[in-house]
Protein backbone atom coordinates (compact mmCIF):
# COMPACT_ATOMS: atom_id res chain seq x y z
CA MET A 1 -4.25 -74.04 24.43
CA SER A 2 -0.70 -75.16 25.18
CA PHE A 3 -0.06 -77.02 28.41
CA ILE A 4 2.41 -79.20 30.29
CA GLU A 5 1.43 -82.41 32.09
CA PHE A 6 3.37 -84.10 34.87
CA HIS A 7 2.91 -87.74 35.91
CA LEU A 8 4.84 -89.12 38.89
CA LEU A 9 5.03 -92.36 40.85
CA GLN A 10 6.36 -92.07 44.38
CA ASN A 11 6.54 -94.94 46.86
CA PHE A 12 6.68 -93.87 50.51
CA ALA A 13 7.90 -95.94 53.44
CA PRO A 14 5.67 -96.00 56.57
CA SER A 15 4.57 -92.39 57.15
CA ASN A 16 1.73 -90.01 57.97
CA LEU A 17 2.39 -87.24 55.47
CA ASN A 18 -1.08 -85.72 55.31
CA ARG A 19 -3.61 -86.47 58.05
CA ASP A 20 -7.28 -85.75 58.68
CA ASP A 21 -9.05 -84.41 61.78
CA THR A 22 -8.58 -87.75 63.58
CA ASN A 23 -4.80 -87.74 62.89
CA THR A 24 -5.25 -90.66 60.49
CA PRO A 25 -3.54 -90.54 57.06
CA LYS A 26 -6.01 -89.21 54.49
CA SER A 27 -7.69 -91.79 52.29
CA CYS A 28 -10.40 -92.25 49.68
CA VAL A 29 -12.29 -95.01 47.88
CA PHE A 30 -11.22 -95.41 44.24
CA GLY A 31 -12.18 -98.25 41.97
CA GLY A 32 -14.13 -99.78 44.84
CA SER A 33 -11.14 -100.13 47.18
CA GLN A 34 -9.55 -97.97 49.86
CA ARG A 35 -6.53 -95.96 48.83
CA ALA A 36 -4.13 -93.66 50.59
CA ARG A 37 -4.40 -90.00 49.58
CA ILE A 38 -2.34 -86.81 49.80
CA SER A 39 -4.45 -83.72 49.23
CA SER A 40 -3.87 -81.20 46.48
CA GLN A 41 -3.49 -78.41 49.06
CA CYS A 42 -0.79 -80.34 50.93
CA GLN A 43 1.24 -80.87 47.76
CA LYS A 44 0.90 -77.27 46.60
CA ARG A 45 2.09 -75.92 49.93
CA ALA A 46 5.10 -78.26 49.86
CA ILE A 47 5.89 -77.06 46.33
CA ARG A 48 5.54 -73.31 46.81
CA THR A 49 7.48 -73.26 50.10
CA HIS A 50 10.35 -75.40 48.79
CA GLY A 51 13.66 -73.65 48.26
CA ALA A 52 14.04 -75.04 44.73
CA PHE A 53 10.86 -73.24 43.66
CA ASN A 54 11.87 -69.88 45.10
CA ASP A 55 15.46 -70.13 43.81
CA ALA A 56 14.36 -70.78 40.22
CA VAL A 57 11.79 -67.99 40.33
CA VAL A 58 14.28 -65.46 41.71
CA ASP A 59 16.97 -66.54 39.21
CA HIS A 60 14.55 -65.56 36.44
CA GLN A 61 13.70 -62.20 38.02
CA GLY A 62 10.35 -63.37 39.39
CA ASP A 63 8.51 -62.77 42.65
CA SER A 64 7.07 -65.13 45.24
CA ALA A 65 4.14 -64.78 47.61
CA VAL A 66 3.16 -65.29 51.22
CA ARG A 67 -0.14 -66.54 52.68
CA THR A 68 -0.95 -64.69 55.88
CA ARG A 69 -3.52 -62.87 58.00
CA LYS A 70 -0.83 -60.48 59.24
CA LEU A 71 -0.56 -58.10 56.28
CA ALA A 72 -1.58 -55.11 58.39
CA PHE A 73 1.16 -55.88 60.92
CA LYS A 74 3.77 -55.90 58.17
CA ILE A 75 2.66 -52.47 56.90
CA ARG A 76 2.29 -50.97 60.40
CA ASP A 77 5.75 -52.20 61.47
CA PHE A 78 7.23 -50.62 58.34
CA LEU A 79 5.57 -47.28 59.11
CA VAL A 80 6.72 -47.32 62.74
CA GLU A 81 10.27 -48.11 61.58
CA ASN A 82 10.02 -44.97 59.47
CA GLY A 83 9.18 -42.75 62.45
CA LYS A 84 5.38 -42.82 62.45
CA SER A 85 3.41 -43.35 65.65
CA GLU A 86 1.84 -46.76 66.22
CA ASP A 87 -1.69 -45.36 66.74
CA ASP A 88 -1.60 -43.31 63.55
CA SER A 89 -0.02 -46.20 61.65
CA THR A 90 -2.81 -48.50 62.82
CA ARG A 91 -5.43 -46.10 61.43
CA VAL A 92 -3.53 -45.73 58.16
CA CYS A 93 -3.38 -49.50 57.72
CA GLU A 94 -7.08 -49.92 58.40
CA ASN A 95 -7.94 -47.25 55.84
CA LEU A 96 -5.44 -48.51 53.28
CA LEU A 97 -6.67 -52.12 53.37
CA GLY A 98 -10.25 -50.90 53.53
CA LEU A 99 -9.73 -49.36 50.09
CA ALA A 100 -9.02 -52.91 48.86
CA GLU A 101 -12.14 -54.14 50.72
CA LEU A 102 -9.97 -56.22 53.04
CA LYS A 103 -11.55 -56.26 56.48
CA LEU A 104 -9.61 -56.50 59.73
CA VAL A 105 -10.73 -58.27 62.89
CA GLN A 106 -11.76 -55.76 65.55
CA LYS A 107 -13.51 -57.69 68.33
CA GLU A 108 -11.50 -60.86 69.03
CA GLU A 109 -8.46 -59.82 71.03
CA LYS A 110 -6.53 -62.93 69.95
CA HIS A 111 -6.90 -62.09 66.26
CA LYS A 112 -7.26 -58.32 66.44
CA PHE A 113 -5.76 -56.42 63.49
CA LYS A 114 -5.48 -59.59 61.41
CA THR A 115 -7.39 -59.87 58.13
CA GLU A 116 -10.61 -61.84 58.49
CA TYR A 117 -9.17 -64.65 56.39
CA LEU A 118 -5.84 -65.82 55.04
CA LEU A 119 -4.70 -63.60 52.20
CA TYR A 120 -2.39 -64.81 49.45
CA ILE A 121 -0.29 -61.83 48.45
CA GLY A 122 2.87 -61.30 46.44
CA LEU A 123 5.92 -59.87 48.19
CA ASN A 124 6.03 -57.16 45.51
CA GLU A 125 2.41 -56.29 46.35
CA VAL A 126 3.29 -56.04 50.05
CA GLU A 127 6.15 -53.64 49.27
CA ALA A 128 3.93 -51.55 47.01
CA LEU A 129 1.30 -51.20 49.76
CA LYS A 130 3.99 -50.18 52.26
CA LEU A 131 5.17 -47.38 49.95
CA ILE A 132 1.62 -46.15 49.32
CA ALA A 133 1.01 -46.02 53.07
CA LEU A 134 4.25 -44.12 53.72
CA GLU A 135 4.02 -41.67 50.82
CA ASN A 136 0.33 -40.91 51.48
CA PHE A 137 0.43 -41.17 55.24
CA ASP A 138 -1.35 -37.92 56.06
CA GLU A 139 -4.07 -38.46 53.45
CA LEU A 140 -4.75 -41.94 54.88
CA ASN A 141 -4.61 -40.85 58.51
CA LEU A 142 -8.27 -39.81 58.69
CA GLU A 143 -10.91 -41.02 61.12
CA ASP A 144 -13.69 -40.45 58.60
CA LYS A 145 -13.09 -42.99 55.84
CA LYS A 146 -15.59 -41.25 53.58
CA LYS A 147 -13.17 -38.34 53.22
CA LEU A 148 -10.38 -40.48 51.73
CA ASP A 149 -9.20 -39.22 48.35
CA LYS A 150 -10.42 -41.38 45.44
CA LYS A 151 -6.95 -41.33 43.94
CA LEU A 152 -5.83 -43.52 46.85
CA ALA A 153 -8.36 -46.18 45.90
CA LYS A 154 -6.96 -46.09 42.37
CA LEU A 155 -3.39 -46.51 43.66
CA VAL A 156 -4.38 -49.51 45.78
CA GLY A 157 -6.34 -50.99 42.89
CA GLU A 158 -3.29 -50.75 40.65
CA VAL A 159 -1.27 -52.84 43.13
CA PHE A 160 -3.66 -55.76 42.56
CA GLY A 161 -4.57 -54.82 38.97
CA LYS A 162 -4.70 -57.49 36.29
CA HIS A 163 -3.85 -55.49 33.18
CA GLU A 164 -0.35 -56.28 31.90
CA LYS A 165 0.67 -57.22 35.45
CA ALA A 166 3.10 -59.93 36.44
CA PHE A 167 1.83 -61.60 39.60
CA ALA A 168 4.03 -63.54 42.01
CA ALA A 169 4.92 -66.90 40.46
CA ASP A 170 2.98 -69.00 42.96
CA ILE A 171 -0.11 -66.79 42.65
CA ALA A 172 0.19 -67.01 38.85
CA LEU A 173 0.31 -70.80 39.16
CA PHE A 174 -2.16 -71.53 41.95
CA GLY A 175 -4.47 -68.52 41.73
CA ARG A 176 -6.04 -66.31 44.39
CA MET A 177 -9.63 -65.98 45.56
CA VAL A 178 -10.91 -63.16 47.79
CA ALA A 179 -14.66 -63.27 48.37
CA ASP A 180 -14.96 -59.59 49.32
CA ASN A 181 -13.19 -58.21 46.25
CA ASN A 182 -13.40 -59.97 42.90
CA ASN A 183 -10.90 -57.53 41.43
CA ILE A 184 -8.15 -59.16 43.49
CA ASN A 185 -8.95 -62.67 42.25
CA VAL A 186 -6.51 -64.48 39.95
CA ASP A 187 -7.48 -67.57 37.95
CA ALA A 188 -5.03 -70.42 38.52
CA ALA A 189 -2.86 -71.62 35.64
CA CYS A 190 -1.99 -74.89 37.39
CA GLN A 191 -4.07 -77.86 38.50
CA VAL A 192 -2.74 -80.37 41.03
CA ALA A 193 -4.67 -83.59 41.63
CA HIS A 194 -4.99 -85.36 44.95
CA ALA A 195 -2.31 -88.05 44.94
CA ILE A 196 -3.83 -91.52 45.28
CA SER A 197 -2.15 -94.82 45.97
CA THR A 198 -1.88 -97.36 43.19
CA ASN A 199 -2.29 -100.13 45.78
CA ILE A 200 -4.96 -100.89 48.38
CA VAL A 201 -3.98 -99.36 51.72
CA THR A 202 -5.25 -99.91 55.25
CA PRO A 203 -3.75 -97.66 57.94
CA ALA A 204 -1.91 -99.19 60.87
CA MET A 205 -1.16 -97.78 64.31
CA ASP A 206 2.15 -97.48 66.09
CA PHE A 207 1.59 -97.85 69.85
CA PHE A 208 4.40 -96.21 71.76
CA THR A 209 5.54 -95.65 75.33
CA ALA A 210 8.05 -93.13 76.59
CA VAL A 211 10.22 -93.82 79.62
CA ASP A 212 10.99 -91.16 82.20
CA ASP A 213 14.79 -90.81 82.23
CA GLU A 214 14.74 -89.79 85.90
CA LEU A 215 13.05 -92.92 87.29
CA GLN A 216 14.44 -93.87 90.69
CA VAL A 217 15.28 -97.37 91.88
CA GLY A 218 12.06 -99.31 92.39
CA GLU A 219 9.91 -97.01 90.21
CA GLN A 220 8.23 -98.62 87.20
CA GLY A 221 5.93 -97.70 84.35
CA SER A 222 6.06 -95.36 81.39
CA GLY A 223 6.01 -91.60 81.54
CA MET A 224 3.67 -91.38 78.55
CA MET A 225 1.94 -93.66 76.06
CA GLY A 226 -0.03 -93.12 72.90
CA GLY A 227 -0.56 -94.14 69.31
CA VAL A 228 0.28 -92.75 65.86
CA TYR A 229 -1.48 -93.89 62.70
CA PHE A 230 0.58 -94.45 59.55
CA ASN A 231 0.53 -96.19 56.18
CA SER A 232 2.83 -97.06 53.31
CA ALA A 233 1.78 -96.50 49.70
CA CYS A 234 2.91 -95.96 46.13
CA TYR A 235 1.23 -92.74 44.94
CA TYR A 236 0.28 -91.62 41.46
CA ARG A 237 0.65 -87.83 41.25
CA TYR A 238 -0.66 -85.65 38.44
CA ALA A 239 -0.44 -81.93 37.68
CA GLN A 240 -0.83 -79.76 34.62
CA ILE A 241 0.04 -76.15 33.77
CA ASN A 242 -1.87 -74.10 31.20
CA ILE A 243 1.01 -72.28 29.50
CA ASP A 244 -1.23 -69.63 27.92
CA LYS A 245 -2.86 -68.76 31.24
CA LEU A 246 0.47 -68.74 33.07
CA ALA A 247 1.91 -66.34 30.48
CA ALA A 248 -1.11 -64.07 30.91
CA ASN A 249 -0.74 -64.12 34.71
CA LEU A 250 2.93 -63.20 34.35
CA GLY A 251 2.39 -60.26 32.03
CA GLN A 252 3.45 -62.21 28.90
CA ASP A 253 7.02 -62.19 30.21
CA LYS A 254 8.62 -65.36 28.82
CA GLU A 255 11.54 -65.23 31.25
CA LEU A 256 9.12 -65.27 34.20
CA VAL A 257 7.20 -68.18 32.66
CA ILE A 258 10.39 -70.22 32.31
CA GLY A 259 11.32 -69.49 35.92
CA ALA A 260 7.88 -70.44 37.24
CA VAL A 261 7.76 -73.72 35.30
CA LYS A 262 11.35 -74.62 36.19
CA GLY A 263 10.72 -73.92 39.87
CA PHE A 264 7.45 -75.84 39.84
CA PHE A 265 9.04 -78.88 38.22
CA ARG A 266 12.02 -78.96 40.56
CA ALA A 267 9.87 -78.59 43.66
CA LEU A 268 7.31 -81.09 42.34
CA VAL A 269 10.06 -83.69 42.18
CA GLN A 270 11.94 -82.72 45.35
CA ALA A 271 9.30 -81.51 47.81
CA VAL A 272 7.89 -83.99 50.33
CA PRO A 273 5.05 -83.10 52.74
CA SER A 274 6.32 -82.46 56.26
CA GLY A 275 3.66 -84.34 58.24
CA LYS A 276 5.15 -86.50 61.03
CA GLN A 277 8.51 -86.60 59.27
CA ASN A 278 10.46 -86.40 62.52
CA SER A 279 8.82 -89.70 63.49
CA PHE A 280 9.02 -91.47 60.12
CA ALA A 281 11.66 -89.76 57.91
CA ALA A 282 9.89 -90.89 54.74
CA GLN A 283 12.28 -89.03 52.43
CA ASN A 284 11.56 -91.14 49.34
CA PRO A 285 12.01 -89.45 45.94
CA PRO A 286 9.84 -90.32 42.92
CA SER A 287 10.79 -93.46 41.02
CA TYR A 288 9.12 -92.33 37.80
CA VAL A 289 8.66 -88.86 36.28
CA LYS A 290 6.89 -88.36 32.95
CA VAL A 291 6.38 -84.96 31.26
CA ASN A 292 4.30 -84.08 28.21
CA VAL A 293 4.21 -80.67 26.50
CA ARG A 294 1.12 -80.32 24.29
CA LYS A 295 -0.23 -77.62 22.01
CA ASP A 296 -3.88 -78.67 21.83
CA GLY A 297 -6.38 -81.29 22.92
CA ALA A 298 -7.62 -81.99 26.43
CA PRO A 299 -5.42 -82.83 29.43
CA TRP A 300 -5.14 -86.52 30.33
CA SER A 301 -4.88 -87.65 33.92
CA LEU A 302 -3.75 -91.28 33.97
CA SER A 303 -5.36 -92.07 37.33
CA ASN A 304 -7.79 -94.52 35.74
CA ALA A 305 -4.84 -96.78 35.07
CA PHE A 306 -5.28 -97.75 38.72
CA THR A 307 -9.04 -98.25 38.88
CA GLN A 308 -8.01 -101.85 39.51
CA ALA A 309 -5.42 -101.59 42.25
CA VAL A 310 -1.95 -103.03 41.91
CA VAL A 311 -1.71 -106.17 44.05
CA ILE A 312 1.56 -107.76 45.14
CA ASP A 313 0.74 -111.13 46.71
CA LYS A 314 3.48 -113.51 45.55
CA PRO A 315 7.21 -113.36 46.31
CA ASP A 316 8.12 -113.80 42.65
CA GLU A 317 5.87 -111.05 41.34
CA ALA A 318 7.26 -107.74 40.10
CA GLU A 319 7.65 -105.01 42.67
CA LEU A 320 4.93 -102.45 43.36
CA GLU A 321 6.69 -99.59 41.58
CA HIS A 322 7.34 -101.65 38.45
CA GLN A 323 3.75 -102.85 38.14
CA SER A 324 2.46 -99.32 38.77
CA ALA A 325 4.71 -97.90 36.04
CA TYR A 326 3.69 -100.65 33.63
CA LYS A 327 -0.03 -100.01 34.20
CA LEU A 328 0.54 -96.29 33.79
CA GLU A 329 2.29 -96.65 30.45
CA MET A 330 -0.22 -99.16 29.10
CA PHE A 331 -3.07 -96.82 29.95
CA ALA A 332 -1.31 -93.86 28.29
CA LYS A 333 -0.90 -96.00 25.19
CA LYS A 334 -4.63 -96.82 25.19
CA LEU A 335 -5.57 -93.14 25.39
CA ALA A 336 -3.20 -92.28 22.53
CA ALA A 337 -4.70 -95.09 20.42
CA MET A 338 -8.23 -93.78 21.05
CA TYR A 339 -7.70 -90.01 20.83
CA GLY A 340 -4.47 -89.70 18.84
CA ASP A 341 -1.28 -87.94 19.82
CA ASN A 342 -0.97 -85.24 17.16
CA GLY A 343 -0.88 -82.41 19.68
CA PHE A 344 2.20 -83.66 21.53
CA ILE A 345 5.19 -81.32 21.22
CA PHE A 346 7.33 -83.27 23.66
CA GLU A 347 7.15 -86.54 25.60
CA GLY A 348 9.85 -87.51 28.03
CA ARG A 349 10.52 -89.45 31.19
CA SER A 350 13.13 -90.20 33.81
CA THR A 351 12.98 -93.37 35.91
CA TYR A 352 15.13 -95.85 37.79
CA ILE A 353 12.61 -98.67 37.22
CA ASP A 354 14.14 -101.36 35.03
CA SER A 355 12.57 -103.32 32.16
CA LEU A 356 9.95 -100.78 31.09
CA ASN A 357 9.63 -101.64 27.42
CA GLU A 358 7.06 -98.99 26.48
CA TYR A 359 8.29 -95.48 25.73
CA GLN A 360 11.97 -96.43 25.94
CA ASP A 361 12.59 -93.97 23.11
CA LYS A 362 11.23 -91.24 25.41
CA ASP A 363 13.85 -91.77 28.13
CA ASN A 364 15.78 -88.57 28.82
CA GLY A 365 18.24 -89.88 31.38
CA THR A 366 18.47 -87.92 34.62
CA VAL A 367 15.76 -85.65 36.00
CA SER A 368 17.98 -82.67 35.16
CA GLN A 369 18.20 -83.82 31.53
CA LEU A 370 14.42 -84.27 31.45
CA GLU A 371 14.03 -80.73 32.79
CA ALA A 372 16.30 -79.32 30.08
CA ALA A 373 14.38 -81.11 27.32
CA MET A 374 11.06 -79.92 28.78
CA LEU A 375 12.25 -76.31 28.92
CA ASP A 376 13.43 -76.48 25.30
CA ALA A 377 9.94 -77.61 24.31
CA LEU A 378 8.42 -74.86 26.46
CA HIS A 379 10.56 -72.26 24.70
CA GLY A 380 9.16 -73.52 21.41
CA ALA A 381 5.59 -73.38 22.66
CA LEU A 382 6.08 -69.79 23.86
CA GLU A 383 7.58 -68.75 20.51
CA ARG A 384 4.46 -70.05 18.74
CA GLN A 385 2.11 -67.93 20.85
């Protein structure tokens, strides 16, 4: 198995990037102490919706996806635009999606005609379903679903089929799970860990008041008051892509694989979760990016480098980012000493942190130069498949 691993350190100013049901920044206990946390789901959404991801995928002739409950609306609107009646188009959509075992809400007026759950679907799959609905409109426009031609079920099945098919890049990376139809499921090629802080973090609260701009002479008091929780933390982020699985999910098309990996890397570095950003503007890029391309062995998360949290308690001590990077590299060295590093095709990094003595021979300069070196190694890995 060939795979790529990504290790990042990213220090955020006061922010609330990913909050729980109490509006408090997400957290966890790690190594016996409380840490800040950004969920895997939050990071993946930021990555797949970032322009850098889509641009790279499209540049390499790939397709992207959308996550929605409104698939039936998209198909019905297309049919109506092509001169079909709305009532007939509604029936056609219900029958069409029924062939894929995708159920629509019928009873709740607020959600009527939506799928019962969010569906992750490629834009190319949406277009294919639209054409099937239009070209087979009369055959699908039946009140008795039992009379639908079996060939229609085959056509719909081929839209989601897995044999020699290139899925949308984000579906190929992050997978798709539909409980009602296992044939639609796609195994993910990418794993993204919850980001955890390298330092101990306790959330704080910003108490605020807002003044009414139209107060008259003699009027006092605020127009509104409230509180917003926030924290500040240096996060360790880890992700890995199974190159073999990604190639399989993209129909063994090497150009699509390059586009998906390039887009993922660029968005991984550039994308920042959007939570409360208008209040905090925590637009802090990573200070350290490390990439490994490997042809065998098991993936190595380096999170255990921070089982003992980084503590900055003296003015003359090294900064948080520097100590975090040092612990990260020392732990990577320990793993290599224990398990060996024979399977490494490429090791590289880009960082603005000074005085990192370990792995200086792996420095690739800018993030763009690191990307180019990584893609060269990926080309080699794909050629060896």
